[in-house]
Amino acid sequence: FLIAPGLLFDLLAERRRAGRPESAFREASRVVLASLAFTSAGIAV
């Protein structure tokens, strides 16, 4: 439940940005940060 929002946002973001090679750490960090932000919104509600 915590990681799903970040994964969804990252998959949707692929439609908006040109892909470029990046490390697994950078990709995972982006998913975690996005998940934290959207999960926080859910917890606030």
ModelCIF file with pLDDT and N, C-alpha, C, O atoms, coordinates in Angstrom:
data_MODEL
#
_entry.id   MODEL 
#
_entity.id                         1 
_entity.type                       polymer 
_entity.pdbx_number_of_molecules   1 
#
_entity_poly.entity_id                      1 
_entity_poly.type                           'polypeptide(L)' 
_entity_poly.nstd_linkage                   no 
_entity_poly.nstd_monomer                   no 
_entity_poly.pdbx_seq_one_letter_code       FLIAPGLLFDLLAERRRAGRPESAFREASRVVLASLAFTSAGIAV 
_entity_poly.pdbx_seq_one_letter_code_can   FLIAPGLLFDLLAERRRAGRPESAFREASRVVLASLAFTSAGIAV 
_entity_poly.pdbx_strand_id                 A 
#
loop_
_entity_poly_seq.entity_id 
_entity_poly_seq.num 
_entity_poly_seq.mon_id 
_entity_poly_seq.hetero 
1 1  PHE n 
1 2  LEU n 
1 3  ILE n 
1 4  ALA n 
1 5  PRO n 
1 6  GLY n 
1 7  LEU n 
1 8  LEU n 
1 9  PHE n 
1 10 ASP n 
1 11 LEU n 
1 12 LEU n 
1 13 ALA n 
1 14 GLU n 
1 15 ARG n 
1 16 ARG n 
1 17 ARG n 
1 18 ALA n 
1 19 GLY n 
1 20 ARG n 
1 21 PRO n 
1 22 GLU n 
1 23 SER n 
1 24 ALA n 
1 25 PHE n 
1 26 ARG n 
1 27 GLU n 
1 28 ALA n 
1 29 SER n 
1 30 ARG n 
1 31 VAL n 
1 32 VAL n 
1 33 LEU n 
1 34 ALA n 
1 35 SER n 
1 36 LEU n 
1 37 ALA n 
1 38 PHE n 
1 39 THR n 
1 40 SER n 
1 41 ALA n 
1 42 GLY n 
1 43 ILE n 
1 44 ALA n 
1 45 VAL n 
#
_struct_asym.id          A 
_struct_asym.entity_id   1 
#
loop_
_ma_qa_metric.id 
_ma_qa_metric.mode 
_ma_qa_metric.name 
_ma_qa_metric.software_group_id 
_ma_qa_metric.type 
1 global pLDDT . pLDDT 
2 local  pLDDT . pLDDT 
#
_ma_qa_metric_global.metric_id      1 
_ma_qa_metric_global.metric_value   73.42 
_ma_qa_metric_global.model_id       1 
_ma_qa_metric_global.ordinal_id     1 
#
loop_
_ma_qa_metric_local.label_asym_id 
_ma_qa_metric_local.label_comp_id 
_ma_qa_metric_local.label_seq_id 
_ma_qa_metric_local.metric_id 
_ma_qa_metric_local.metric_value 
_ma_qa_metric_local.model_id 
_ma_qa_metric_local.ordinal_id 
A PHE 1  2 71.00 1 1  
A LEU 2  2 76.00 1 2  
A ILE 3  2 79.00 1 3  
A ALA 4  2 78.00 1 4  
A PRO 5  2 81.00 1 5  
A GLY 6  2 79.00 1 6  
A LEU 7  2 74.00 1 7  
A LEU 8  2 77.00 1 8  
A PHE 9  2 78.00 1 9  
A ASP 10 2 77.00 1 10 
A LEU 11 2 74.00 1 11 
A LEU 12 2 72.00 1 12 
A ALA 13 2 72.00 1 13 
A GLU 14 2 66.00 1 14 
A ARG 15 2 60.00 1 15 
A ARG 16 2 57.00 1 16 
A ARG 17 2 55.00 1 17 
A ALA 18 2 49.00 1 18 
A GLY 19 2 51.00 1 19 
A ARG 20 2 55.00 1 20 
A PRO 21 2 56.00 1 21 
A GLU 22 2 59.00 1 22 
A SER 23 2 63.00 1 23 
A ALA 24 2 68.00 1 24 
A PHE 25 2 69.00 1 25 
A ARG 26 2 68.00 1 26 
A GLU 27 2 69.00 1 27 
A ALA 28 2 73.00 1 28 
A SER 29 2 75.00 1 29 
A ARG 30 2 76.00 1 30 
A VAL 31 2 79.00 1 31 
A VAL 32 2 78.00 1 32 
A LEU 33 2 81.00 1 33 
A ALA 34 2 81.00 1 34 
A SER 35 2 83.00 1 35 
A LEU 36 2 82.00 1 36 
A ALA 37 2 85.00 1 37 
A PHE 38 2 85.00 1 38 
A THR 39 2 84.00 1 39 
A SER 40 2 84.00 1 40 
A ALA 41 2 84.00 1 41 
A GLY 42 2 83.00 1 42 
A ILE 43 2 83.00 1 43 
A ALA 44 2 87.00 1 44 
A VAL 45 2 88.00 1 45 
#
loop_
_atom_site.group_PDB 
_atom_site.id 
_atom_site.type_symbol 
_atom_site.label_atom_id 
_atom_site.label_alt_id 
_atom_site.label_comp_id 
_atom_site.label_asym_id 
_atom_site.label_entity_id 
_atom_site.label_seq_id 
_atom_site.pdbx_PDB_ins_code 
_atom_site.Cartn_x 
_atom_site.Cartn_y 
_atom_site.Cartn_z 
_atom_site.occupancy 
_atom_site.B_iso_or_equiv 
_atom_site.pdbx_formal_charge 
_atom_site.auth_seq_id 
_atom_site.auth_comp_id 
_atom_site.auth_asym_id 
_atom_site.auth_atom_id 
_atom_site.pdbx_PDB_model_num 
ATOM 1   N N  . PHE A 1 1  ? 0.822  -1.201 0.000   1.00 71.00 ? 1  PHE A N  1 
ATOM 2   C CA . PHE A 1 1  ? 0.000  0.000  0.000   1.00 71.00 ? 1  PHE A CA 1 
ATOM 3   C C  . PHE A 1 1  ? 0.862  1.258  0.000   1.00 71.00 ? 1  PHE A C  1 
ATOM 4   O O  . PHE A 1 1  ? 0.502  2.256  -0.625  1.00 71.00 ? 1  PHE A O  1 
ATOM 5   N N  . LEU A 1 2  ? 1.976  1.217  0.685   1.00 76.00 ? 2  LEU A N  1 
ATOM 6   C CA . LEU A 1 2  ? 2.826  2.403  0.760   1.00 76.00 ? 2  LEU A CA 1 
ATOM 7   C C  . LEU A 1 2  ? 3.578  2.660  -0.541  1.00 76.00 ? 2  LEU A C  1 
ATOM 8   O O  . LEU A 1 2  ? 3.777  3.815  -0.919  1.00 76.00 ? 2  LEU A O  1 
ATOM 9   N N  . ILE A 1 3  ? 4.000  1.603  -1.228  1.00 79.00 ? 3  ILE A N  1 
ATOM 10  C CA . ILE A 1 3  ? 4.846  1.777  -2.398  1.00 79.00 ? 3  ILE A CA 1 
ATOM 11  C C  . ILE A 1 3  ? 4.038  1.930  -3.686  1.00 79.00 ? 3  ILE A C  1 
ATOM 12  O O  . ILE A 1 3  ? 4.547  2.461  -4.673  1.00 79.00 ? 3  ILE A O  1 
ATOM 13  N N  . ALA A 1 4  ? 2.780  1.469  -3.686  1.00 78.00 ? 4  ALA A N  1 
ATOM 14  C CA . ALA A 1 4  ? 1.972  1.488  -4.908  1.00 78.00 ? 4  ALA A CA 1 
ATOM 15  C C  . ALA A 1 4  ? 1.774  2.884  -5.489  1.00 78.00 ? 4  ALA A C  1 
ATOM 16  O O  . ALA A 1 4  ? 1.892  3.029  -6.706  1.00 78.00 ? 4  ALA A O  1 
ATOM 17  N N  . PRO A 1 5  ? 1.480  3.927  -4.698  1.00 81.00 ? 5  PRO A N  1 
ATOM 18  C CA . PRO A 1 5  ? 1.276  5.252  -5.299  1.00 81.00 ? 5  PRO A CA 1 
ATOM 19  C C  . PRO A 1 5  ? 2.517  5.769  -6.035  1.00 81.00 ? 5  PRO A C  1 
ATOM 20  O O  . PRO A 1 5  ? 2.400  6.374  -7.101  1.00 81.00 ? 5  PRO A O  1 
ATOM 21  N N  . GLY A 1 6  ? 3.698  5.532  -5.472  1.00 79.00 ? 6  GLY A N  1 
ATOM 22  C CA . GLY A 1 6  ? 4.913  5.975  -6.139  1.00 79.00 ? 6  GLY A CA 1 
ATOM 23  C C  . GLY A 1 6  ? 5.163  5.230  -7.432  1.00 79.00 ? 6  GLY A C  1 
ATOM 24  O O  . GLY A 1 6  ? 5.620  5.819  -8.412  1.00 79.00 ? 6  GLY A O  1 
ATOM 25  N N  . LEU A 1 7  ? 4.862  3.914  -7.447  1.00 74.00 ? 7  LEU A N  1 
ATOM 26  C CA . LEU A 1 7  ? 5.019  3.139  -8.671  1.00 74.00 ? 7  LEU A CA 1 
ATOM 27  C C  . LEU A 1 7  ? 4.059  3.625  -9.745  1.00 74.00 ? 7  LEU A C  1 
ATOM 28  O O  . LEU A 1 7  ? 4.443  3.753  -10.908 1.00 74.00 ? 7  LEU A O  1 
ATOM 29  N N  . LEU A 1 8  ? 2.807  3.898  -9.367  1.00 77.00 ? 8  LEU A N  1 
ATOM 30  C CA . LEU A 1 8  ? 1.835  4.402  -10.331 1.00 77.00 ? 8  LEU A CA 1 
ATOM 31  C C  . LEU A 1 8  ? 2.282  5.741  -10.908 1.00 77.00 ? 8  LEU A C  1 
ATOM 32  O O  . LEU A 1 8  ? 2.219  5.957  -12.118 1.00 77.00 ? 8  LEU A O  1 
ATOM 33  N N  . PHE A 1 9  ? 2.730  6.633  -10.037 1.00 78.00 ? 9  PHE A N  1 
ATOM 34  C CA . PHE A 1 9  ? 3.159  7.952  -10.500 1.00 78.00 ? 9  PHE A CA 1 
ATOM 35  C C  . PHE A 1 9  ? 4.371  7.842  -11.430 1.00 78.00 ? 9  PHE A C  1 
ATOM 36  O O  . PHE A 1 9  ? 4.464  8.575  -12.414 1.00 78.00 ? 9  PHE A O  1 
ATOM 37  N N  . ASP A 1 10 ? 5.294  6.934  -11.124 1.00 77.00 ? 10 ASP A N  1 
ATOM 38  C CA . ASP A 1 10 ? 6.474  6.773  -11.967 1.00 77.00 ? 10 ASP A CA 1 
ATOM 39  C C  . ASP A 1 10 ? 6.102  6.198  -13.327 1.00 77.00 ? 10 ASP A C  1 
ATOM 40  O O  . ASP A 1 10 ? 6.658  6.606  -14.347 1.00 77.00 ? 10 ASP A O  1 
ATOM 41  N N  . LEU A 1 11 ? 5.159  5.246  -13.350 1.00 74.00 ? 11 LEU A N  1 
ATOM 42  C CA . LEU A 1 11 ? 4.715  4.683  -14.625 1.00 74.00 ? 11 LEU A CA 1 
ATOM 43  C C  . LEU A 1 11 ? 4.004  5.738  -15.465 1.00 74.00 ? 11 LEU A C  1 
ATOM 44  O O  . LEU A 1 11 ? 4.203  5.801  -16.678 1.00 74.00 ? 11 LEU A O  1 
ATOM 45  N N  . LEU A 1 12 ? 3.178  6.564  -14.831 1.00 72.00 ? 12 LEU A N  1 
ATOM 46  C CA . LEU A 1 12 ? 2.499  7.629  -15.564 1.00 72.00 ? 12 LEU A CA 1 
ATOM 47  C C  . LEU A 1 12 ? 3.489  8.674  -16.056 1.00 72.00 ? 12 LEU A C  1 
ATOM 48  O O  . LEU A 1 12 ? 3.317  9.247  -17.132 1.00 72.00 ? 12 LEU A O  1 
ATOM 49  N N  . ALA A 1 13 ? 4.531  8.920  -15.259 1.00 72.00 ? 13 ALA A N  1 
ATOM 50  C CA . ALA A 1 13 ? 5.510  9.943  -15.624 1.00 72.00 ? 13 ALA A CA 1 
ATOM 51  C C  . ALA A 1 13 ? 6.279  9.573  -16.881 1.00 72.00 ? 13 ALA A C  1 
ATOM 52  O O  . ALA A 1 13 ? 6.792  10.455 -17.571 1.00 72.00 ? 13 ALA A O  1 
ATOM 53  N N  . GLU A 1 14 ? 6.369  8.280  -17.193 1.00 66.00 ? 14 GLU A N  1 
ATOM 54  C CA . GLU A 1 14 ? 7.068  7.865  -18.404 1.00 66.00 ? 14 GLU A CA 1 
ATOM 55  C C  . GLU A 1 14 ? 6.392  8.395  -19.658 1.00 66.00 ? 14 GLU A C  1 
ATOM 56  O O  . GLU A 1 14 ? 7.022  8.498  -20.710 1.00 66.00 ? 14 GLU A O  1 
ATOM 57  N N  . ARG A 1 15 ? 5.099  8.733  -19.549 1.00 60.00 ? 15 ARG A N  1 
ATOM 58  C CA . ARG A 1 15 ? 4.390  9.305  -20.690 1.00 60.00 ? 15 ARG A CA 1 
ATOM 59  C C  . ARG A 1 15 ? 4.727  10.780 -20.890 1.00 60.00 ? 15 ARG A C  1 
ATOM 60  O O  . ARG A 1 15 ? 4.503  11.338 -21.964 1.00 60.00 ? 15 ARG A O  1 
ATOM 61  N N  . ARG A 1 16 ? 5.270  11.408 -19.837 1.00 57.00 ? 16 ARG A N  1 
ATOM 62  C CA . ARG A 1 16 ? 5.523  12.846 -19.918 1.00 57.00 ? 16 ARG A CA 1 
ATOM 63  C C  . ARG A 1 16 ? 6.976  13.199 -20.163 1.00 57.00 ? 16 ARG A C  1 
ATOM 64  O O  . ARG A 1 16 ? 7.270  14.305 -20.616 1.00 57.00 ? 16 ARG A O  1 
ATOM 65  N N  . ARG A 1 17 ? 7.883  12.296 -19.879 1.00 55.00 ? 17 ARG A N  1 
ATOM 66  C CA . ARG A 1 17 ? 9.286  12.647 -19.969 1.00 55.00 ? 17 ARG A CA 1 
ATOM 67  C C  . ARG A 1 17 ? 10.016 11.697 -20.906 1.00 55.00 ? 17 ARG A C  1 
ATOM 68  O O  . ARG A 1 17 ? 9.642  10.536 -21.071 1.00 55.00 ? 17 ARG A O  1 
ATOM 69  N N  . ALA A 1 18 ? 11.048 12.222 -21.501 1.00 49.00 ? 18 ALA A N  1 
ATOM 70  C CA . ALA A 1 18 ? 11.904 11.382 -22.337 1.00 49.00 ? 18 ALA A CA 1 
ATOM 71  C C  . ALA A 1 18 ? 12.765 10.519 -21.437 1.00 49.00 ? 18 ALA A C  1 
ATOM 72  O O  . ALA A 1 18 ? 13.382 11.009 -20.490 1.00 49.00 ? 18 ALA A O  1 
ATOM 73  N N  . GLY A 1 19 ? 12.802 9.227  -21.740 1.00 51.00 ? 19 GLY A N  1 
ATOM 74  C CA . GLY A 1 19 ? 13.592 8.331  -20.915 1.00 51.00 ? 19 GLY A CA 1 
ATOM 75  C C  . GLY A 1 19 ? 15.081 8.533  -21.100 1.00 51.00 ? 19 GLY A C  1 
ATOM 76  O O  . GLY A 1 19 ? 15.533 8.897  -22.186 1.00 51.00 ? 19 GLY A O  1 
ATOM 77  N N  . ARG A 1 20 ? 15.833 8.303  -20.062 1.00 55.00 ? 20 ARG A N  1 
ATOM 78  C CA . ARG A 1 20 ? 17.281 8.365  -20.137 1.00 55.00 ? 20 ARG A CA 1 
ATOM 79  C C  . ARG A 1 20 ? 17.842 7.348  -19.164 1.00 55.00 ? 20 ARG A C  1 
ATOM 80  O O  . ARG A 1 20 ? 17.205 7.028  -18.160 1.00 55.00 ? 20 ARG A O  1 
ATOM 81  N N  . PRO A 1 21 ? 19.025 6.840  -19.451 1.00 56.00 ? 21 PRO A N  1 
ATOM 82  C CA . PRO A 1 21 ? 19.604 5.859  -18.539 1.00 56.00 ? 21 PRO A CA 1 
ATOM 83  C C  . PRO A 1 21 ? 19.796 6.441  -17.139 1.00 56.00 ? 21 PRO A C  1 
ATOM 84  O O  . PRO A 1 21 ? 20.255 7.573  -16.992 1.00 56.00 ? 21 PRO A O  1 
ATOM 85  N N  . GLU A 1 22 ? 19.447 5.675  -16.124 1.00 59.00 ? 22 GLU A N  1 
ATOM 86  C CA . GLU A 1 22 ? 19.643 6.119  -14.756 1.00 59.00 ? 22 GLU A CA 1 
ATOM 87  C C  . GLU A 1 22 ? 19.878 4.897  -13.878 1.00 59.00 ? 22 GLU A C  1 
ATOM 88  O O  . GLU A 1 22 ? 19.530 3.771  -14.235 1.00 59.00 ? 22 GLU A O  1 
ATOM 89  N N  . SER A 1 23 ? 20.470 5.150  -12.735 1.00 63.00 ? 23 SER A N  1 
ATOM 90  C CA . SER A 1 23 ? 20.806 4.054  -11.837 1.00 63.00 ? 23 SER A CA 1 
ATOM 91  C C  . SER A 1 23 ? 19.558 3.537  -11.142 1.00 63.00 ? 23 SER A C  1 
ATOM 92  O O  . SER A 1 23 ? 18.552 4.239  -11.033 1.00 63.00 ? 23 SER A O  1 
ATOM 93  N N  . ALA A 1 24 ? 19.639 2.290  -10.671 1.00 68.00 ? 24 ALA A N  1 
ATOM 94  C CA . ALA A 1 24 ? 18.528 1.709  -9.933  1.00 68.00 ? 24 ALA A CA 1 
ATOM 95  C C  . ALA A 1 24 ? 18.269 2.488  -8.645  1.00 68.00 ? 24 ALA A C  1 
ATOM 96  O O  . ALA A 1 24 ? 17.124 2.610  -8.210  1.00 68.00 ? 24 ALA A O  1 
ATOM 97  N N  . PHE A 1 25 ? 19.339 3.019  -8.032  1.00 69.00 ? 25 PHE A N  1 
ATOM 98  C CA . PHE A 1 25 ? 19.175 3.798  -6.802  1.00 69.00 ? 25 PHE A CA 1 
ATOM 99  C C  . PHE A 1 25 ? 18.368 5.065  -7.064  1.00 69.00 ? 25 PHE A C  1 
ATOM 100 O O  . PHE A 1 25 ? 17.492 5.416  -6.274  1.00 69.00 ? 25 PHE A O  1 
ATOM 101 N N  . ARG A 1 26 ? 18.653 5.747  -8.160  1.00 68.00 ? 26 ARG A N  1 
ATOM 102 C CA . ARG A 1 26 ? 17.924 6.976  -8.481  1.00 68.00 ? 26 ARG A CA 1 
ATOM 103 C C  . ARG A 1 26 ? 16.451 6.680  -8.748  1.00 68.00 ? 26 ARG A C  1 
ATOM 104 O O  . ARG A 1 26 ? 15.571 7.402  -8.280  1.00 68.00 ? 26 ARG A O  1 
ATOM 105 N N  . GLU A 1 27 ? 16.191 5.615  -9.500  1.00 69.00 ? 27 GLU A N  1 
ATOM 106 C CA . GLU A 1 27 ? 14.809 5.255  -9.806  1.00 69.00 ? 27 GLU A CA 1 
ATOM 107 C C  . GLU A 1 27 ? 14.055 4.860  -8.534  1.00 69.00 ? 27 GLU A C  1 
ATOM 108 O O  . GLU A 1 27 ? 12.916 5.280  -8.328  1.00 69.00 ? 27 GLU A O  1 
ATOM 109 N N  . ALA A 1 28 ? 14.695 4.045  -7.679  1.00 73.00 ? 28 ALA A N  1 
ATOM 110 C CA . ALA A 1 28 ? 14.049 3.628  -6.438  1.00 73.00 ? 28 ALA A CA 1 
ATOM 111 C C  . ALA A 1 28 ? 13.811 4.820  -5.512  1.00 73.00 ? 28 ALA A C  1 
ATOM 112 O O  . ALA A 1 28 ? 12.777 4.895  -4.849  1.00 73.00 ? 28 ALA A O  1 
ATOM 113 N N  . SER A 1 29 ? 14.762 5.747  -5.466  1.00 75.00 ? 29 SER A N  1 
ATOM 114 C CA . SER A 1 29 ? 14.609 6.929  -4.610  1.00 75.00 ? 29 SER A CA 1 
ATOM 115 C C  . SER A 1 29 ? 13.426 7.775  -5.060  1.00 75.00 ? 29 SER A C  1 
ATOM 116 O O  . SER A 1 29 ? 12.682 8.302  -4.233  1.00 75.00 ? 29 SER A O  1 
ATOM 117 N N  . ARG A 1 30 ? 13.254 7.905  -6.374  1.00 76.00 ? 30 ARG A N  1 
ATOM 118 C CA . ARG A 1 30 ? 12.136 8.684  -6.889  1.00 76.00 ? 30 ARG A CA 1 
ATOM 119 C C  . ARG A 1 30 ? 10.805 8.031  -6.523  1.00 76.00 ? 30 ARG A C  1 
ATOM 120 O O  . ARG A 1 30 ? 9.858  8.722  -6.147  1.00 76.00 ? 30 ARG A O  1 
ATOM 121 N N  . VAL A 1 31 ? 10.730 6.720  -6.629  1.00 79.00 ? 31 VAL A N  1 
ATOM 122 C CA . VAL A 1 31 ? 9.504  6.007  -6.275  1.00 79.00 ? 31 VAL A CA 1 
ATOM 123 C C  . VAL A 1 31 ? 9.203  6.146  -4.792  1.00 79.00 ? 31 VAL A C  1 
ATOM 124 O O  . VAL A 1 31 ? 8.055  6.366  -4.406  1.00 79.00 ? 31 VAL A O  1 
ATOM 125 N N  . VAL A 1 32 ? 10.233 6.018  -3.958  1.00 78.00 ? 32 VAL A N  1 
ATOM 126 C CA . VAL A 1 32 ? 10.037 6.110  -2.506  1.00 78.00 ? 32 VAL A CA 1 
ATOM 127 C C  . VAL A 1 32 ? 9.568  7.504  -2.102  1.00 78.00 ? 32 VAL A C  1 
ATOM 128 O O  . VAL A 1 32 ? 8.652  7.645  -1.292  1.00 78.00 ? 32 VAL A O  1 
ATOM 129 N N  . LEU A 1 33 ? 10.194 8.528  -2.666  1.00 81.00 ? 33 LEU A N  1 
ATOM 130 C CA . LEU A 1 33 ? 9.802  9.900  -2.325  1.00 81.00 ? 33 LEU A CA 1 
ATOM 131 C C  . LEU A 1 33 ? 8.377  10.201 -2.774  1.00 81.00 ? 33 LEU A C  1 
ATOM 132 O O  . LEU A 1 33 ? 7.608  10.824 -2.041  1.00 81.00 ? 33 LEU A O  1 
ATOM 133 N N  . ALA A 1 34 ? 8.025  9.756  -3.982  1.00 81.00 ? 34 ALA A N  1 
ATOM 134 C CA . ALA A 1 34 ? 6.663  9.971  -4.459  1.00 81.00 ? 34 ALA A CA 1 
ATOM 135 C C  . ALA A 1 34 ? 5.664  9.210  -3.593  1.00 81.00 ? 34 ALA A C  1 
ATOM 136 O O  . ALA A 1 34 ? 4.602  9.735  -3.259  1.00 81.00 ? 34 ALA A O  1 
ATOM 137 N N  . SER A 1 35 ? 6.002  7.982  -3.231  1.00 83.00 ? 35 SER A N  1 
ATOM 138 C CA . SER A 1 35 ? 5.119  7.191  -2.366  1.00 83.00 ? 35 SER A CA 1 
ATOM 139 C C  . SER A 1 35 ? 4.928  7.869  -1.023  1.00 83.00 ? 35 SER A C  1 
ATOM 140 O O  . SER A 1 35 ? 3.817  7.900  -0.494  1.00 83.00 ? 35 SER A O  1 
ATOM 141 N N  . LEU A 1 36 ? 6.003  8.413  -0.467  1.00 82.00 ? 36 LEU A N  1 
ATOM 142 C CA . LEU A 1 36 ? 5.913  9.093  0.824   1.00 82.00 ? 36 LEU A CA 1 
ATOM 143 C C  . LEU A 1 36 ? 4.977  10.287 0.742   1.00 82.00 ? 36 LEU A C  1 
ATOM 144 O O  . LEU A 1 36 ? 4.167  10.507 1.642   1.00 82.00 ? 36 LEU A O  1 
ATOM 145 N N  . ALA A 1 37 ? 5.086  11.062 -0.340  1.00 85.00 ? 37 ALA A N  1 
ATOM 146 C CA . ALA A 1 37 ? 4.249  12.251 -0.479  1.00 85.00 ? 37 ALA A CA 1 
ATOM 147 C C  . ALA A 1 37 ? 2.772  11.880 -0.622  1.00 85.00 ? 37 ALA A C  1 
ATOM 148 O O  . ALA A 1 37 ? 1.919  12.450 0.058   1.00 85.00 ? 37 ALA A O  1 
ATOM 149 N N  . PHE A 1 38 ? 2.473  10.927 -1.506  1.00 85.00 ? 38 PHE A N  1 
ATOM 150 C CA . PHE A 1 38 ? 1.068  10.581 -1.744  1.00 85.00 ? 38 PHE A CA 1 
ATOM 151 C C  . PHE A 1 38 ? 0.476  9.795  -0.581  1.00 85.00 ? 38 PHE A C  1 
ATOM 152 O O  . PHE A 1 38 ? -0.705 9.948  -0.268  1.00 85.00 ? 38 PHE A O  1 
ATOM 153 N N  . THR A 1 39 ? 1.286  8.953  0.065   1.00 84.00 ? 39 THR A N  1 
ATOM 154 C CA . THR A 1 39 ? 0.804  8.232  1.233   1.00 84.00 ? 39 THR A CA 1 
ATOM 155 C C  . THR A 1 39 ? 0.508  9.202  2.373   1.00 84.00 ? 39 THR A C  1 
ATOM 156 O O  . THR A 1 39 ? -0.453 9.014  3.120   1.00 84.00 ? 39 THR A O  1 
ATOM 157 N N  . SER A 1 40 ? 1.327  10.229 2.504   1.00 84.00 ? 40 SER A N  1 
ATOM 158 C CA . SER A 1 40 ? 1.084  11.242 3.539   1.00 84.00 ? 40 SER A CA 1 
ATOM 159 C C  . SER A 1 40 ? -0.257 11.933 3.318   1.00 84.00 ? 40 SER A C  1 
ATOM 160 O O  . SER A 1 40 ? -0.963 12.251 4.275   1.00 84.00 ? 40 SER A O  1 
ATOM 161 N N  . ALA A 1 41 ? -0.604 12.164 2.051   1.00 84.00 ? 41 ALA A N  1 
ATOM 162 C CA . ALA A 1 41 ? -1.908 12.764 1.759   1.00 84.00 ? 41 ALA A CA 1 
ATOM 163 C C  . ALA A 1 41 ? -3.033 11.833 2.192   1.00 84.00 ? 41 ALA A C  1 
ATOM 164 O O  . ALA A 1 41 ? -4.038 12.282 2.743   1.00 84.00 ? 41 ALA A O  1 
ATOM 165 N N  . GLY A 1 42 ? -2.864 10.528 1.942   1.00 83.00 ? 42 GLY A N  1 
ATOM 166 C CA . GLY A 1 42 ? -3.874 9.574  2.368   1.00 83.00 ? 42 GLY A CA 1 
ATOM 167 C C  . GLY A 1 42 ? -4.002 9.495  3.878   1.00 83.00 ? 42 GLY A C  1 
ATOM 168 O O  . GLY A 1 42 ? -5.108 9.419  4.413   1.00 83.00 ? 42 GLY A O  1 
ATOM 169 N N  . ILE A 1 43 ? -2.863 9.514  4.563   1.00 83.00 ? 43 ILE A N  1 
ATOM 170 C CA . ILE A 1 43 ? -2.886 9.462  6.032   1.00 83.00 ? 43 ILE A CA 1 
ATOM 171 C C  . ILE A 1 43 ? -3.529 10.721 6.604   1.00 83.00 ? 43 ILE A C  1 
ATOM 172 O O  . ILE A 1 43 ? -4.230 10.662 7.614   1.00 83.00 ? 43 ILE A O  1 
ATOM 173 N N  . ALA A 1 44 ? -3.289 11.855 5.957   1.00 87.00 ? 44 ALA A N  1 
ATOM 174 C CA . ALA A 1 44 ? -3.896 13.104 6.417   1.00 87.00 ? 44 ALA A CA 1 
ATOM 175 C C  . ALA A 1 44 ? -5.422 13.032 6.338   1.00 87.00 ? 44 ALA A C  1 
ATOM 176 O O  . ALA A 1 44 ? -6.120 13.492 7.242   1.00 87.00 ? 44 ALA A O  1 
ATOM 177 N N  . VAL A 1 45 ? -5.930 12.453 5.258   1.00 88.00 ? 45 VAL A N  1 
ATOM 178 C CA . VAL A 1 45 ? -7.380 12.309 5.120   1.00 88.00 ? 45 VAL A CA 1 
ATOM 179 C C  . VAL A 1 45 ? -7.925 11.376 6.196   1.00 88.00 ? 45 VAL A C  1 
ATOM 180 O O  . VAL A 1 45 ? -9.129 11.128 6.245   1.00 88.00 ? 45 VAL A O  1 
#
